[in-house]
Amino acid sequence: MVQLIVVEPCADGWAVRQPSIANAQLFVSGAKAEDAARLLGTRLADAGQPAEIQVYLRNGDLAGRFVLAPAA
């Protein structure tokens, strides 16, 4: 099953959310949130779990989507 990781704006900055985890990680900048999401996605892929990162803009549009395949 693909692990979904979402980077989206929140009231005080940016959030990295994973539907299977109750708490989000919060960041002041979008760049820091994206870096954290990529690190999390890489760790999941290295552990054999495919991951998809979705990055949203402040207006709600999807800015980018990254898929990380499990390590061979």
PDB file of N, CA and C in Angstrom:
ATOM      1  N   MET A   1       0.845  -1.181   0.000  1.00  0.00           N
ATOM      2  CA  MET A   1       0.000   0.000   0.000  1.00  0.00           C
ATOM      3  C   MET A   1       0.891   1.246   0.000  1.00  0.00           C
ATOM      4  N   VAL A   2       0.540   2.202  -0.806  1.00  0.00           N
ATOM      5  CA  VAL A   2       1.304   3.447  -0.901  1.00  0.00           C
ATOM      6  C   VAL A   2       1.018   4.321   0.320  1.00  0.00           C
ATOM      7  N   GLN A   3       2.077   4.811   0.944  1.00  0.00           N
ATOM      8  CA  GLN A   3       1.952   5.715   2.096  1.00  0.00           C
ATOM      9  C   GLN A   3       1.842   7.142   1.568  1.00  0.00           C
ATOM     10  N   LEU A   4       0.753   7.819   1.861  1.00  0.00           N
ATOM     11  CA  LEU A   4       0.521   9.174   1.400  1.00  0.00           C
ATOM     12  C   LEU A   4       1.084  10.174   2.406  1.00  0.00           C
ATOM     13  N   ILE A   5       1.824  11.167   1.900  1.00  0.00           N
ATOM     14  CA  ILE A   5       2.367  12.249   2.714  1.00  0.00           C
ATOM     15  C   ILE A   5       1.910  13.543   2.057  1.00  0.00           C
ATOM     16  N   VAL A   6       1.279  14.415   2.827  1.00  0.00           N
ATOM     17  CA  VAL A   6       0.720  15.653   2.282  1.00  0.00           C
ATOM     18  C   VAL A   6       1.395  16.856   2.932  1.00  0.00           C
ATOM     19  N   VAL A   7       1.842  17.791   2.086  1.00  0.00           N
ATOM     20  CA  VAL A   7       2.381  19.073   2.551  1.00  0.00           C
ATOM     21  C   VAL A   7       1.336  20.117   2.190  1.00  0.00           C
ATOM     22  N   GLU A   8       0.841  20.830   3.211  1.00  0.00           N
ATOM     23  CA  GLU A   8      -0.216  21.814   2.957  1.00  0.00           C
ATOM     24  C   GLU A   8      -0.105  22.987   3.925  1.00  0.00           C
ATOM     25  N   PRO A   9      -0.647  24.128   3.506  1.00  0.00           N
ATOM     26  CA  PRO A   9      -0.602  25.291   4.391  1.00  0.00           C
ATOM     27  C   PRO A   9      -1.513  25.086   5.594  1.00  0.00           C
ATOM     28  N   CYS A  10      -1.134  25.710   6.690  1.00  0.00           N
ATOM     29  CA  CYS A  10      -1.982  25.730   7.885  1.00  0.00           C
ATOM     30  C   CYS A  10      -1.928  27.143   8.454  1.00  0.00           C
ATOM     31  N   ALA A  11      -2.625  27.393   9.509  1.00  0.00           N
ATOM     32  CA  ALA A  11      -2.746  28.744  10.061  1.00  0.00           C
ATOM     33  C   ALA A  11      -1.404  29.388  10.390  1.00  0.00           C
ATOM     34  N   ASP A  12      -0.474  28.621  10.944  1.00  0.00           N
ATOM     35  CA  ASP A  12       0.797  29.200  11.392  1.00  0.00           C
ATOM     36  C   ASP A  12       1.977  28.858  10.497  1.00  0.00           C
ATOM     37  N   GLY A  13       1.734  28.323   9.304  1.00  0.00           N
ATOM     38  CA  GLY A  13       2.834  27.965   8.416  1.00  0.00           C
ATOM     39  C   GLY A  13       2.454  26.824   7.505  1.00  0.00           C
ATOM     40  N   TRP A  14       3.185  25.717   7.637  1.00  0.00           N
ATOM     41  CA  TRP A  14       2.988  24.562   6.761  1.00  0.00           C
ATOM     42  C   TRP A  14       2.956  23.283   7.584  1.00  0.00           C
ATOM     43  N   ALA A  15       2.143  22.328   7.135  1.00  0.00           N
ATOM     44  CA  ALA A  15       1.999  21.064   7.845  1.00  0.00           C
ATOM     45  C   ALA A  15       2.380  19.903   6.936  1.00  0.00           C
ATOM     46  N   VAL A  16       2.995  18.886   7.524  1.00  0.00           N
ATOM     47  CA  VAL A  16       3.248  17.615   6.857  1.00  0.00           C
ATOM     48  C   VAL A  16       2.354  16.608   7.555  1.00  0.00           C
ATOM     49  N   ARG A  17       1.431  16.041   6.787  1.00  0.00           N
ATOM     50  CA  ARG A  17       0.460  15.101   7.351  1.00  0.00           C
ATOM     51  C   ARG A  17       0.579  13.747   6.666  1.00  0.00           C
ATOM     52  N   GLN A  18       0.309  12.740   7.461  1.00  0.00           N
ATOM     53  CA  GLN A  18       0.223  11.376   6.970  1.00  0.00           C
ATOM     54  C   GLN A  18      -1.074  10.823   7.536  1.00  0.00           C
ATOM     55  N   PRO A  19      -2.025  10.428   6.671  1.00  0.00           N
ATOM     56  CA  PRO A  19      -3.339   9.992   7.169  1.00  0.00           C
ATOM     57  C   PRO A  19      -3.292   8.915   8.250  1.00  0.00           C
ATOM     58  N   SER A  20      -2.272   8.070   8.234  1.00  0.00           N
ATOM     59  CA  SER A  20      -2.198   6.990   9.224  1.00  0.00           C
ATOM     60  C   SER A  20      -1.646   7.453  10.574  1.00  0.00           C
ATOM     61  N   ILE A  21      -1.217   8.724  10.665  1.00  0.00           N
ATOM     62  CA  ILE A  21      -0.656   9.270  11.906  1.00  0.00           C
ATOM     63  C   ILE A  21      -1.511  10.453  12.350  1.00  0.00           C
ATOM     64  N   ALA A  22      -1.893  10.474  13.622  1.00  0.00           N
ATOM     65  CA  ALA A  22      -2.820  11.486  14.124  1.00  0.00           C
ATOM     66  C   ALA A  22      -2.250  12.902  14.118  1.00  0.00           C
ATOM     67  N   ASN A  23      -0.980  13.062  14.479  1.00  0.00           N
ATOM     68  CA  ASN A  23      -0.406  14.394  14.614  1.00  0.00           C
ATOM     69  C   ASN A  23       0.387  14.799  13.378  1.00  0.00           C
ATOM     70  N   ALA A  24       0.260  16.069  13.005  1.00  0.00           N
ATOM     71  CA  ALA A  24       1.018  16.609  11.877  1.00  0.00           C
ATOM     72  C   ALA A  24       2.311  17.238  12.383  1.00  0.00           C
ATOM     73  N   GLN A  25       3.306  17.307  11.500  1.00  0.00           N
ATOM     74  CA  GLN A  25       4.523  18.067  11.787  1.00  0.00           C
ATOM     75  C   GLN A  25       4.277  19.476  11.262  1.00  0.00           C
ATOM     76  N   LEU A  26       4.631  20.500  12.039  1.00  0.00           N
ATOM     77  CA  LEU A  26       4.396  21.881  11.635  1.00  0.00           C
ATOM     78  C   LEU A  26       5.721  22.584  11.381  1.00  0.00           C
ATOM     79  N   PHE A  27       5.743  23.436  10.342  1.00  0.00           N
ATOM     80  CA  PHE A  27       6.938  24.157   9.939  1.00  0.00           C
ATOM     81  C   PHE A  27       6.583  25.601   9.602  1.00  0.00           C
ATOM     82  N   VAL A  28       7.540  26.496   9.784  1.00  0.00           N
ATOM     83  CA  VAL A  28       7.334  27.908   9.468  1.00  0.00           C
ATOM     84  C   VAL A  28       7.392  28.132   7.964  1.00  0.00           C
ATOM     85  N   SER A  29       8.261  27.388   7.263  1.00  0.00           N
ATOM     86  CA  SER A  29       8.402  27.596   5.825  1.00  0.00           C
ATOM     87  C   SER A  29       7.972  26.361   5.049  1.00  0.00           C
ATOM     88  N   GLY A  30       7.481  26.604   3.835  1.00  0.00           N
ATOM     89  CA  GLY A  30       7.099  25.507   2.965  1.00  0.00           C
ATOM     90  C   GLY A  30       8.287  24.663   2.551  1.00  0.00           C
ATOM     91  N   ALA A  31       9.437  25.307   2.365  1.00  0.00           N
ATOM     92  CA  ALA A  31      10.642  24.572   1.967  1.00  0.00           C
ATOM     93  C   ALA A  31      11.050  23.572   3.040  1.00  0.00           C
ATOM     94  N   LYS A  32      10.983  23.971   4.294  1.00  0.00           N
ATOM     95  CA  LYS A  32      11.328  23.051   5.397  1.00  0.00           C
ATOM     96  C   LYS A  32      10.332  21.895   5.461  1.00  0.00           C
ATOM     97  N   ALA A  33       9.053  22.196   5.225  1.00  0.00           N
ATOM     98  CA  ALA A  33       8.034  21.148   5.231  1.00  0.00           C
ATOM     99  C   ALA A  33       8.269  20.160   4.092  1.00  0.00           C
ATOM    100  N   GLU A  34       8.600  20.662   2.902  1.00  0.00           N
ATOM    101  CA  GLU A  34       8.888  19.779   1.769  1.00  0.00           C
ATOM    102  C   GLU A  34      10.115  18.911   2.045  1.00  0.00           C
ATOM    103  N   ASP A  35      11.145  19.500   2.620  1.00  0.00           N
ATOM    104  CA  ASP A  35      12.344  18.736   2.966  1.00  0.00           C
ATOM    105  C   ASP A  35      12.009  17.599   3.924  1.00  0.00           C
ATOM    106  N   ALA A  36      11.193  17.892   4.927  1.00  0.00           N
ATOM    107  CA  ALA A  36      10.804  16.872   5.907  1.00  0.00           C
ATOM    108  C   ALA A  36       9.969  15.775   5.243  1.00  0.00           C
ATOM    109  N   ALA A  37       9.081  16.165   4.334  1.00  0.00           N
ATOM    110  CA  ALA A  37       8.247  15.182   3.639  1.00  0.00           C
ATOM    111  C   ALA A  37       9.104  14.277   2.765  1.00  0.00           C
ATOM    112  N   ARG A  38      10.081  14.844   2.080  1.00  0.00           N
ATOM    113  CA  ARG A  38      10.961  14.033   1.234  1.00  0.00           C
ATOM    114  C   ARG A  38      11.806  13.074   2.082  1.00  0.00           C
ATOM    115  N   LEU A  39      12.273  13.543   3.220  1.00  0.00           N
ATOM    116  CA  LEU A  39      13.044  12.685   4.113  1.00  0.00           C
ATOM    117  C   LEU A  39      12.179  11.526   4.612  1.00  0.00           C
ATOM    118  N   LEU A  40      10.960  11.826   5.021  1.00  0.00           N
ATOM    119  CA  LEU A  40      10.037  10.794   5.475  1.00  0.00           C
ATOM    120  C   LEU A  40       9.736   9.808   4.347  1.00  0.00           C
ATOM    121  N   GLY A  41       9.473  10.323   3.153  1.00  0.00           N
ATOM    122  CA  GLY A  41       9.202   9.458   2.009  1.00  0.00           C
ATOM    123  C   GLY A  41      10.377   8.558   1.673  1.00  0.00           C
ATOM    124  N   THR A  42      11.577   9.111   1.741  1.00  0.00           N
ATOM    125  CA  THR A  42      12.783   8.330   1.469  1.00  0.00           C
ATOM    126  C   THR A  42      12.956   7.230   2.501  1.00  0.00           C
ATOM    127  N   ARG A  43      12.710   7.551   3.754  1.00  0.00           N
ATOM    128  CA  ARG A  43      12.831   6.539   4.813  1.00  0.00           C
ATOM    129  C   ARG A  43      11.819   5.418   4.629  1.00  0.00           C
ATOM    130  N   LEU A  44      10.594   5.774   4.248  1.00  0.00           N
ATOM    131  CA  LEU A  44       9.577   4.756   4.003  1.00  0.00           C
ATOM    132  C   LEU A  44       9.979   3.873   2.821  1.00  0.00           C
ATOM    133  N   ALA A  45      10.460   4.486   1.746  1.00  0.00           N
ATOM    134  CA  ALA A  45      10.877   3.723   0.565  1.00  0.00           C
ATOM    135  C   ALA A  45      12.056   2.812   0.898  1.00  0.00           C
ATOM    136  N   ASP A  46      12.992   3.321   1.682  1.00  0.00           N
ATOM    137  CA  ASP A  46      14.134   2.499   2.096  1.00  0.00           C
ATOM    138  C   ASP A  46      13.697   1.301   2.937  1.00  0.00           C
ATOM    139  N   ALA A  47      12.576   1.453   3.638  1.00  0.00           N
ATOM    140  CA  ALA A  47      12.046   0.366   4.468  1.00  0.00           C
ATOM    141  C   ALA A  47      11.118  -0.564   3.672  1.00  0.00           C
ATOM    142  N   GLY A  48      10.984  -0.302   2.357  1.00  0.00           N
ATOM    143  CA  GLY A  48      10.177  -1.179   1.516  1.00  0.00           C
ATOM    144  C   GLY A  48       8.761  -0.727   1.266  1.00  0.00           C
ATOM    145  N   GLN A  49       8.395   0.469   1.745  1.00  0.00           N
ATOM    146  CA  GLN A  49       7.049   0.984   1.560  1.00  0.00           C
ATOM    147  C   GLN A  49       7.050   2.081   0.482  1.00  0.00           C
ATOM    148  N   PRO A  50       6.272   1.927  -0.596  1.00  0.00           N
ATOM    149  CA  PRO A  50       6.189   3.014  -1.568  1.00  0.00           C
ATOM    150  C   PRO A  50       5.507   4.222  -0.927  1.00  0.00           C
ATOM    151  N   ALA A  51       5.927   5.418  -1.330  1.00  0.00           N
ATOM    152  CA  ALA A  51       5.363   6.639  -0.753  1.00  0.00           C
ATOM    153  C   ALA A  51       5.022   7.634  -1.854  1.00  0.00           C
ATOM    154  N   GLU A  52       3.992   8.402  -1.619  1.00  0.00           N
ATOM    155  CA  GLU A  52       3.604   9.479  -2.523  1.00  0.00           C
ATOM    156  C   GLU A  52       3.526  10.768  -1.716  1.00  0.00           C
ATOM    157  N   ILE A  53       4.215  11.790  -2.186  1.00  0.00           N
ATOM    158  CA  ILE A  53       4.189  13.101  -1.543  1.00  0.00           C
ATOM    159  C   ILE A  53       3.364  14.036  -2.409  1.00  0.00           C
ATOM    160  N   GLN A  54       2.379  14.691  -1.809  1.00  0.00           N
ATOM    161  CA  GLN A  54       1.568  15.690  -2.506  1.00  0.00           C
ATOM    162  C   GLN A  54       1.813  17.036  -1.835  1.00  0.00           C
ATOM    163  N   VAL A  55       2.163  18.042  -2.636  1.00  0.00           N
ATOM    164  CA  VAL A  55       2.445  19.382  -2.121  1.00  0.00           C
ATOM    165  C   VAL A  55       1.366  20.335  -2.641  1.00  0.00           C
ATOM    166  N   TYR A  56       0.701  21.017  -1.715  1.00  0.00           N
ATOM    167  CA  TYR A  56      -0.377  21.934  -2.065  1.00  0.00           C
ATOM    168  C   TYR A  56       0.031  23.385  -1.826  1.00  0.00           C
ATOM    169  N   LEU A  57      -0.476  24.277  -2.677  1.00  0.00           N
ATOM    170  CA  LEU A  57      -0.249  25.715  -2.534  1.00  0.00           C
ATOM    171  C   LEU A  57      -1.244  26.305  -1.544  1.00  0.00           C
ATOM    172  N   ARG A  58      -1.030  27.560  -1.168  1.00  0.00           N
ATOM    173  CA  ARG A  58      -1.946  28.222  -0.231  1.00  0.00           C
ATOM    174  C   ARG A  58      -3.369  28.330  -0.772  1.00  0.00           C
ATOM    175  N   ASN A  59      -3.522  28.393  -2.103  1.00  0.00           N
ATOM    176  CA  ASN A  59      -4.866  28.497  -2.682  1.00  0.00           C
ATOM    177  C   ASN A  59      -5.541  27.132  -2.850  1.00  0.00           C
ATOM    178  N   GLY A  60      -4.868  26.063  -2.420  1.00  0.00           N
ATOM    179  CA  GLY A  60      -5.444  24.726  -2.473  1.00  0.00           C
ATOM    180  C   GLY A  60      -5.086  23.926  -3.709  1.00  0.00           C
ATOM    181  N   ASP A  61      -4.408  24.541  -4.682  1.00  0.00           N
ATOM    182  CA  ASP A  61      -4.000  23.822  -5.894  1.00  0.00           C
ATOM    183  C   ASP A  61      -2.862  22.855  -5.583  1.00  0.00           C
ATOM    184  N   LEU A  62      -2.861  21.741  -6.294  1.00  0.00           N
ATOM    185  CA  LEU A  62      -1.768  20.781  -6.175  1.00  0.00           C
ATOM    186  C   LEU A  62      -0.565  21.334  -6.929  1.00  0.00           C
ATOM    187  N   ALA A  63       0.537  21.563  -6.227  1.00  0.00           N
ATOM    188  CA  ALA A  63       1.740  22.140  -6.827  1.00  0.00           C
ATOM    189  C   ALA A  63       2.663  21.057  -7.373  1.00  0.00           C
ATOM    190  N   GLY A  64       2.675  19.895  -6.733  1.00  0.00           N
ATOM    191  CA  GLY A  64       3.560  18.834  -7.177  1.00  0.00           C
ATOM    192  C   GLY A  64       3.221  17.518  -6.520  1.00  0.00           C
ATOM    193  N   ARG A  65       3.669  16.466  -7.181  1.00  0.00           N
ATOM    194  CA  ARG A  65       3.425  15.115  -6.680  1.00  0.00           C
ATOM    195  C   ARG A  65       4.694  14.312  -6.943  1.00  0.00           C
ATOM    196  N   PHE A  66       5.177  13.639  -5.931  1.00  0.00           N
ATOM    197  CA  PHE A  66       6.414  12.859  -6.033  1.00  0.00           C
ATOM    198  C   PHE A  66       6.125  11.444  -5.560  1.00  0.00           C
ATOM    199  N   VAL A  67       6.588  10.469  -6.324  1.00  0.00           N
ATOM    200  CA  VAL A  67       6.401   9.073  -5.967  1.00  0.00           C
ATOM    201  C   VAL A  67       7.777   8.469  -5.696  1.00  0.00           C
ATOM    202  N   LEU A  68       7.904   7.803  -4.565  1.00  0.00           N
ATOM    203  CA  LEU A  68       9.162   7.150  -4.192  1.00  0.00           C
ATOM    204  C   LEU A  68       8.917   5.648  -4.140  1.00  0.00           C
ATOM    205  N   ALA A  69       9.641   4.926  -4.986  1.00  0.00           N
ATOM    206  CA  ALA A  69       9.516   3.474  -5.045  1.00  0.00           C
ATOM    207  C   ALA A  69      10.374   2.835  -3.956  1.00  0.00           C
ATOM    208  N   PRO A  70       9.957   1.657  -3.488  1.00  0.00           N
ATOM    209  CA  PRO A  70      10.759   0.958  -2.484  1.00  0.00           C
ATOM    210  C   PRO A  70      12.140   0.610  -3.035  1.00  0.00           C
ATOM    211  N   ALA A  71      13.089   0.554  -2.148  1.00  0.00           N
ATOM    212  CA  ALA A  71      14.449   0.182  -2.530  1.00  0.00           C
ATOM    213  C   ALA A  71      14.447  -1.275  -3.002  1.00  0.00           C
ATOM    214  N   ALA A  72      15.248  -1.535  -4.003  1.00  0.00           N
ATOM    215  CA  ALA A  72      15.299  -2.884  -4.572  1.00  0.00           C
ATOM    216  C   ALA A  72      16.101  -3.816  -3.698  1.00  0.00           C
TER     217      ALA A  72
END
